[in-house]
Amino acid sequence: MRPLAILGVVLIVLGIAGLVVREIPVRHTEEVAKIGPVTATQTTETNYPIPTYAGIVAVLAGAALIFMDRRRS
């Protein structure tokens, strides 16, 4: 497989994954208070949404790359 086709397949897979998984959860641990040797931390979780159009654009771009690679050979 050529590099252009591989990139196309990767884009299609990432686009489909972005359409299936709607959010990416990220955990942050931050220091809330520090009194002498004792430290209090708080863990929060933030969800970053993946826009639907980003997944669709990735799938279409991947398909276009594969099509261009086929026409070039």
PDB file of N, CA and C in Angstrom:
ATOM      1  N   MET A   1       0.828  -1.180   0.000  1.00  0.00           N
ATOM      2  CA  MET A   1       0.000   0.000   0.000  1.00  0.00           C
ATOM      3  C   MET A   1       0.878   1.252   0.000  1.00  0.00           C
ATOM      4  N   ARG A   2       0.462   2.231  -0.694  1.00  0.00           N
ATOM      5  CA  ARG A   2       1.229   3.472  -0.776  1.00  0.00           C
ATOM      6  C   ARG A   2       0.911   4.374   0.415  1.00  0.00           C
ATOM      7  N   PRO A   3       1.806   5.315   0.700  1.00  0.00           N
ATOM      8  CA  PRO A   3       1.592   6.209   1.849  1.00  0.00           C
ATOM      9  C   PRO A   3       0.293   7.020   1.771  1.00  0.00           C
ATOM     10  N   LEU A   4      -0.113   7.419   0.573  1.00  0.00           N
ATOM     11  CA  LEU A   4      -1.341   8.188   0.424  1.00  0.00           C
ATOM     12  C   LEU A   4      -2.563   7.346   0.779  1.00  0.00           C
ATOM     13  N   ALA A   5      -2.554   6.093   0.368  1.00  0.00           N
ATOM     14  CA  ALA A   5      -3.661   5.192   0.691  1.00  0.00           C
ATOM     15  C   ALA A   5      -3.682   4.868   2.182  1.00  0.00           C
ATOM     16  N   ILE A   6      -2.510   4.701   2.772  1.00  0.00           N
ATOM     17  CA  ILE A   6      -2.441   4.434   4.218  1.00  0.00           C
ATOM     18  C   ILE A   6      -2.994   5.617   4.995  1.00  0.00           C
ATOM     19  N   LEU A   7      -2.633   6.828   4.597  1.00  0.00           N
ATOM     20  CA  LEU A   7      -3.153   8.021   5.249  1.00  0.00           C
ATOM     21  C   LEU A   7      -4.673   8.109   5.082  1.00  0.00           C
ATOM     22  N   GLY A   8      -5.169   7.724   3.930  1.00  0.00           N
ATOM     23  CA  GLY A   8      -6.611   7.715   3.695  1.00  0.00           C
ATOM     24  C   GLY A   8      -7.328   6.746   4.607  1.00  0.00           C
ATOM     25  N   VAL A   9      -6.770   5.549   4.773  1.00  0.00           N
ATOM     26  CA  VAL A   9      -7.380   4.550   5.655  1.00  0.00           C
ATOM     27  C   VAL A   9      -7.354   5.035   7.104  1.00  0.00           C
ATOM     28  N   VAL A  10      -6.257   5.637   7.511  1.00  0.00           N
ATOM     29  CA  VAL A  10      -6.158   6.160   8.880  1.00  0.00           C
ATOM     30  C   VAL A  10      -7.203   7.251   9.110  1.00  0.00           C
ATOM     31  N   LEU A  11      -7.374   8.138   8.146  1.00  0.00           N
ATOM     32  CA  LEU A  11      -8.382   9.188   8.280  1.00  0.00           C
ATOM     33  C   LEU A  11      -9.793   8.615   8.354  1.00  0.00           C
ATOM     34  N   ILE A  12     -10.065   7.597   7.575  1.00  0.00           N
ATOM     35  CA  ILE A  12     -11.393   6.977   7.616  1.00  0.00           C
ATOM     36  C   ILE A  12     -11.638   6.331   8.975  1.00  0.00           C
ATOM     37  N   VAL A  13     -10.654   5.613   9.491  1.00  0.00           N
ATOM     38  CA  VAL A  13     -10.806   4.961  10.798  1.00  0.00           C
ATOM     39  C   VAL A  13     -11.000   6.004  11.900  1.00  0.00           C
ATOM     40  N   LEU A  14     -10.199   7.074  11.877  1.00  0.00           N
ATOM     41  CA  LEU A  14     -10.340   8.122  12.892  1.00  0.00           C
ATOM     42  C   LEU A  14     -11.676   8.842  12.755  1.00  0.00           C
ATOM     43  N   GLY A  15     -12.134   9.042  11.545  1.00  0.00           N
ATOM     44  CA  GLY A  15     -13.426   9.688  11.340  1.00  0.00           C
ATOM     45  C   GLY A  15     -14.575   8.849  11.867  1.00  0.00           C
ATOM     46  N   ILE A  16     -14.539   7.554  11.609  1.00  0.00           N
ATOM     47  CA  ILE A  16     -15.577   6.661  12.118  1.00  0.00           C
ATOM     48  C   ILE A  16     -15.520   6.604  13.640  1.00  0.00           C
ATOM     49  N   ALA A  17     -14.317   6.563  14.200  1.00  0.00           N
ATOM     50  CA  ALA A  17     -14.185   6.564  15.659  1.00  0.00           C
ATOM     51  C   ALA A  17     -14.729   7.867  16.244  1.00  0.00           C
ATOM     52  N   GLY A  18     -14.512   8.977  15.568  1.00  0.00           N
ATOM     53  CA  GLY A  18     -15.038  10.249  16.042  1.00  0.00           C
ATOM     54  C   GLY A  18     -16.554  10.314  15.972  1.00  0.00           C
ATOM     55  N   LEU A  19     -17.148   9.620  15.014  1.00  0.00           N
ATOM     56  CA  LEU A  19     -18.600   9.579  14.927  1.00  0.00           C
ATOM     57  C   LEU A  19     -19.217   8.656  15.970  1.00  0.00           C
ATOM     58  N   VAL A  20     -18.496   7.600  16.336  1.00  0.00           N
ATOM     59  CA  VAL A  20     -19.014   6.650  17.326  1.00  0.00           C
ATOM     60  C   VAL A  20     -18.799   7.176  18.747  1.00  0.00           C
ATOM     61  N   VAL A  21     -17.591   7.644  19.029  1.00  0.00           N
ATOM     62  CA  VAL A  21     -17.271   8.164  20.358  1.00  0.00           C
ATOM     63  C   VAL A  21     -17.542   9.663  20.319  1.00  0.00           C
ATOM     64  N   ARG A  22     -18.545  10.101  21.021  1.00  0.00           N
ATOM     65  CA  ARG A  22     -18.983  11.491  20.931  1.00  0.00           C
ATOM     66  C   ARG A  22     -18.155  12.446  21.792  1.00  0.00           C
ATOM     67  N   GLU A  23     -17.534  11.950  22.867  1.00  0.00           N
ATOM     68  CA  GLU A  23     -16.763  12.806  23.773  1.00  0.00           C
ATOM     69  C   GLU A  23     -15.476  12.113  24.185  1.00  0.00           C
ATOM     70  N   ILE A  24     -14.461  12.927  24.497  1.00  0.00           N
ATOM     71  CA  ILE A  24     -13.202  12.398  25.015  1.00  0.00           C
ATOM     72  C   ILE A  24     -13.069  12.871  26.456  1.00  0.00           C
ATOM     73  N   PRO A  25     -13.123  11.943  27.423  1.00  0.00           N
ATOM     74  CA  PRO A  25     -12.967  12.358  28.818  1.00  0.00           C
ATOM     75  C   PRO A  25     -11.487  12.523  29.179  1.00  0.00           C
ATOM     76  N   VAL A  26     -11.180  13.624  29.860  1.00  0.00           N
ATOM     77  CA  VAL A  26      -9.816  13.911  30.285  1.00  0.00           C
ATOM     78  C   VAL A  26      -9.850  14.221  31.780  1.00  0.00           C
ATOM     79  N   ARG A  27      -8.978  13.568  32.537  1.00  0.00           N
ATOM     80  CA  ARG A  27      -8.919  13.804  33.984  1.00  0.00           C
ATOM     81  C   ARG A  27      -7.763  14.728  34.319  1.00  0.00           C
ATOM     82  N   HIS A  28      -8.057  15.676  35.200  1.00  0.00           N
ATOM     83  CA  HIS A  28      -7.054  16.622  35.664  1.00  0.00           C
ATOM     84  C   HIS A  28      -6.934  16.499  37.179  1.00  0.00           C
ATOM     85  N   THR A  29      -5.724  16.418  37.683  1.00  0.00           N
ATOM     86  CA  THR A  29      -5.485  16.429  39.117  1.00  0.00           C
ATOM     87  C   THR A  29      -4.786  17.737  39.453  1.00  0.00           C
ATOM     88  N   GLU A  30      -5.398  18.478  40.352  1.00  0.00           N
ATOM     89  CA  GLU A  30      -4.813  19.751  40.732  1.00  0.00           C
ATOM     90  C   GLU A  30      -4.691  19.854  42.245  1.00  0.00           C
ATOM     91  N   GLU A  31      -3.703  20.596  42.683  1.00  0.00           N
ATOM     92  CA  GLU A  31      -3.456  20.787  44.097  1.00  0.00           C
ATOM     93  C   GLU A  31      -4.383  21.886  44.608  1.00  0.00           C
ATOM     94  N   VAL A  32      -5.194  21.535  45.625  1.00  0.00           N
ATOM     95  CA  VAL A  32      -6.154  22.486  46.162  1.00  0.00           C
ATOM     96  C   VAL A  32      -5.557  23.260  47.332  1.00  0.00           C
ATOM     97  N   ALA A  33      -4.913  22.533  48.243  1.00  0.00           N
ATOM     98  CA  ALA A  33      -4.336  23.190  49.423  1.00  0.00           C
ATOM     99  C   ALA A  33      -3.087  22.443  49.849  1.00  0.00           C
ATOM    100  N   LYS A  34      -2.156  23.195  50.420  1.00  0.00           N
ATOM    101  CA  LYS A  34      -0.937  22.589  50.943  1.00  0.00           C
ATOM    102  C   LYS A  34      -0.642  23.247  52.297  1.00  0.00           C
ATOM    103  N   ILE A  35      -0.714  22.432  53.328  1.00  0.00           N
ATOM    104  CA  ILE A  35      -0.448  22.910  54.682  1.00  0.00           C
ATOM    105  C   ILE A  35       0.685  22.056  55.239  1.00  0.00           C
ATOM    106  N   GLY A  36       1.863  22.609  55.257  1.00  0.00           N
ATOM    107  CA  GLY A  36       3.039  21.858  55.703  1.00  0.00           C
ATOM    108  C   GLY A  36       3.290  20.686  54.791  1.00  0.00           C
ATOM    109  N   PRO A  37       3.463  19.496  55.381  1.00  0.00           N
ATOM    110  CA  PRO A  37       3.714  18.303  54.555  1.00  0.00           C
ATOM    111  C   PRO A  37       2.441  17.679  53.978  1.00  0.00           C
ATOM    112  N   VAL A  38       1.275  18.189  54.379  1.00  0.00           N
ATOM    113  CA  VAL A  38       0.005  17.625  53.925  1.00  0.00           C
ATOM    114  C   VAL A  38      -0.476  18.389  52.684  1.00  0.00           C
ATOM    115  N   THR A  39      -0.823  17.633  51.660  1.00  0.00           N
ATOM    116  CA  THR A  39      -1.301  18.226  50.417  1.00  0.00           C
ATOM    117  C   THR A  39      -2.681  17.665  50.087  1.00  0.00           C
ATOM    118  N   ALA A  40      -3.598  18.546  49.743  1.00  0.00           N
ATOM    119  CA  ALA A  40      -4.930  18.126  49.319  1.00  0.00           C
ATOM    120  C   ALA A  40      -5.042  18.330  47.808  1.00  0.00           C
ATOM    121  N   THR A  41      -5.456  17.281  47.128  1.00  0.00           N
ATOM    122  CA  THR A  41      -5.615  17.356  45.677  1.00  0.00           C
ATOM    123  C   THR A  41      -7.065  17.061  45.307  1.00  0.00           C
ATOM    124  N   GLN A  42      -7.442  17.545  44.141  1.00  0.00           N
ATOM    125  CA  GLN A  42      -8.784  17.321  43.634  1.00  0.00           C
ATOM    126  C   GLN A  42      -8.671  16.840  42.195  1.00  0.00           C
ATOM    127  N   THR A  43      -9.399  15.773  41.888  1.00  0.00           N
ATOM    128  CA  THR A  43      -9.413  15.241  40.531  1.00  0.00           C
ATOM    129  C   THR A  43     -10.734  15.625  39.879  1.00  0.00           C
ATOM    130  N   THR A  44     -10.656  16.286  38.748  1.00  0.00           N
ATOM    131  CA  THR A  44     -11.860  16.653  38.000  1.00  0.00           C
ATOM    132  C   THR A  44     -11.799  16.013  36.619  1.00  0.00           C
ATOM    133  N   GLU A  45     -12.962  15.733  36.079  1.00  0.00           N
ATOM    134  CA  GLU A  45     -13.038  15.138  34.744  1.00  0.00           C
ATOM    135  C   GLU A  45     -13.746  16.112  33.812  1.00  0.00           C
ATOM    136  N   THR A  46     -13.112  16.392  32.694  1.00  0.00           N
ATOM    137  CA  THR A  46     -13.672  17.281  31.689  1.00  0.00           C
ATOM    138  C   THR A  46     -13.926  16.475  30.420  1.00  0.00           C
ATOM    139  N   ASN A  47     -15.094  16.654  29.848  1.00  0.00           N
ATOM    140  CA  ASN A  47     -15.438  15.976  28.596  1.00  0.00           C
ATOM    141  C   ASN A  47     -15.310  16.957  27.441  1.00  0.00           C
ATOM    142  N   TYR A  48     -14.499  16.599  26.459  1.00  0.00           N
ATOM    143  CA  TYR A  48     -14.334  17.413  25.264  1.00  0.00           C
ATOM    144  C   TYR A  48     -15.148  16.797  24.141  1.00  0.00           C
ATOM    145  N   PRO A  49     -16.152  17.498  23.643  1.00  0.00           N
ATOM    146  CA  PRO A  49     -16.990  16.924  22.580  1.00  0.00           C
ATOM    147  C   PRO A  49     -16.271  16.917  21.231  1.00  0.00           C
ATOM    148  N   ILE A  50     -16.578  15.897  20.440  1.00  0.00           N
ATOM    149  CA  ILE A  50     -16.056  15.801  19.075  1.00  0.00           C
ATOM    150  C   ILE A  50     -17.204  16.193  18.143  1.00  0.00           C
ATOM    151  N   PRO A  51     -17.034  17.255  17.386  1.00  0.00           N
ATOM    152  CA  PRO A  51     -18.121  17.670  16.488  1.00  0.00           C
ATOM    153  C   PRO A  51     -18.395  16.609  15.411  1.00  0.00           C
ATOM    154  N   THR A  52     -19.651  16.473  15.058  1.00  0.00           N
ATOM    155  CA  THR A  52     -20.046  15.496  14.046  1.00  0.00           C
ATOM    156  C   THR A  52     -19.405  15.817  12.699  1.00  0.00           C
ATOM    157  N   TYR A  53     -19.348  17.106  12.381  1.00  0.00           N
ATOM    158  CA  TYR A  53     -18.788  17.478  11.077  1.00  0.00           C
ATOM    159  C   TYR A  53     -17.307  17.111  10.970  1.00  0.00           C
ATOM    160  N   ALA A  54     -16.587  17.064  12.085  1.00  0.00           N
ATOM    161  CA  ALA A  54     -15.173  16.680  12.033  1.00  0.00           C
ATOM    162  C   ALA A  54     -15.022  15.218  11.615  1.00  0.00           C
ATOM    163  N   GLY A  55     -15.877  14.344  12.140  1.00  0.00           N
ATOM    164  CA  GLY A  55     -15.840  12.944  11.738  1.00  0.00           C
ATOM    165  C   GLY A  55     -16.215  12.749  10.287  1.00  0.00           C
ATOM    166  N   ILE A  56     -17.235  13.480   9.836  1.00  0.00           N
ATOM    167  CA  ILE A  56     -17.670  13.361   8.445  1.00  0.00           C
ATOM    168  C   ILE A  56     -16.585  13.866   7.499  1.00  0.00           C
ATOM    169  N   VAL A  57     -15.968  14.988   7.833  1.00  0.00           N
ATOM    170  CA  VAL A  57     -14.901  15.541   6.987  1.00  0.00           C
ATOM    171  C   VAL A  57     -13.711  14.588   6.930  1.00  0.00           C
ATOM    172  N   ALA A  58     -13.370  13.961   8.060  1.00  0.00           N
ATOM    173  CA  ALA A  58     -12.245  13.025   8.075  1.00  0.00           C
ATOM    174  C   ALA A  58     -12.527  11.810   7.190  1.00  0.00           C
ATOM    175  N   VAL A  59     -13.747  11.286   7.247  1.00  0.00           N
ATOM    176  CA  VAL A  59     -14.105  10.132   6.407  1.00  0.00           C
ATOM    177  C   VAL A  59     -14.068  10.511   4.927  1.00  0.00           C
ATOM    178  N   LEU A  60     -14.621  11.663   4.598  1.00  0.00           N
ATOM    179  CA  LEU A  60     -14.624  12.090   3.195  1.00  0.00           C
ATOM    180  C   LEU A  60     -13.214  12.386   2.679  1.00  0.00           C
ATOM    181  N   ALA A  61     -12.385  12.992   3.518  1.00  0.00           N
ATOM    182  CA  ALA A  61     -11.005  13.274   3.114  1.00  0.00           C
ATOM    183  C   ALA A  61     -10.226  11.976   2.921  1.00  0.00           C
ATOM    184  N   GLY A  62     -10.443  11.004   3.800  1.00  0.00           N
ATOM    185  CA  GLY A  62      -9.781   9.707   3.641  1.00  0.00           C
ATOM    186  C   GLY A  62     -10.205   8.999   2.377  1.00  0.00           C
ATOM    187  N   ALA A  63     -11.507   9.042   2.073  1.00  0.00           N
ATOM    188  CA  ALA A  63     -11.996   8.423   0.842  1.00  0.00           C
ATOM    189  C   ALA A  63     -11.419   9.128  -0.382  1.00  0.00           C
ATOM    190  N   ALA A  64     -11.304  10.443  -0.305  1.00  0.00           N
ATOM    191  CA  ALA A  64     -10.731  11.191  -1.433  1.00  0.00           C
ATOM    192  C   ALA A  64      -9.258  10.833  -1.637  1.00  0.00           C
ATOM    193  N   LEU A  65      -8.517  10.678  -0.551  1.00  0.00           N
ATOM    194  CA  LEU A  65      -7.103  10.299  -0.674  1.00  0.00           C
ATOM    195  C   LEU A  65      -6.949   8.916  -1.305  1.00  0.00           C
ATOM    196  N   ILE A  66      -7.791   7.980  -0.894  1.00  0.00           N
ATOM    197  CA  ILE A  66      -7.721   6.631  -1.474  1.00  0.00           C
ATOM    198  C   ILE A  66      -8.093   6.689  -2.960  1.00  0.00           C
ATOM    199  N   PHE A  67      -9.118   7.457  -3.304  1.00  0.00           N
ATOM    200  CA  PHE A  67      -9.515   7.598  -4.706  1.00  0.00           C
ATOM    201  C   PHE A  67      -8.411   8.224  -5.539  1.00  0.00           C
ATOM    202  N   MET A  68      -7.755   9.255  -5.004  1.00  0.00           N
ATOM    203  CA  MET A  68      -6.665   9.902  -5.724  1.00  0.00           C
ATOM    204  C   MET A  68      -5.481   8.952  -5.911  1.00  0.00           C
ATOM    205  N   ASP A  69      -5.231   8.117  -4.914  1.00  0.00           N
ATOM    206  CA  ASP A  69      -4.124   7.164  -5.024  1.00  0.00           C
ATOM    207  C   ASP A  69      -4.432   6.113  -6.091  1.00  0.00           C
ATOM    208  N   ARG A  70      -5.682   5.685  -6.186  1.00  0.00           N
ATOM    209  CA  ARG A  70      -6.062   4.693  -7.188  1.00  0.00           C
ATOM    210  C   ARG A  70      -5.952   5.281  -8.606  1.00  0.00           C
ATOM    211  N   ARG A  71      -6.350   6.520  -8.765  1.00  0.00           N
ATOM    212  CA  ARG A  71      -6.296   7.153 -10.093  1.00  0.00           C
ATOM    213  C   ARG A  71      -4.878   7.426 -10.528  1.00  0.00           C
ATOM    214  N   ARG A  72      -3.979   7.664  -9.573  1.00  0.00           N
ATOM    215  CA  ARG A  72      -2.609   7.996  -9.892  1.00  0.00           C
ATOM    216  C   ARG A  72      -1.837   6.789 -10.422  1.00  0.00           C
ATOM    217  N   SER A  73      -2.216   5.597  -9.999  1.00  0.00           N
ATOM    218  CA  SER A  73      -1.450   4.414 -10.444  1.00  0.00           C
ATOM    219  C   SER A  73      -1.955   3.859 -11.758  1.00  0.00           C
TER     220      SER A  73
END
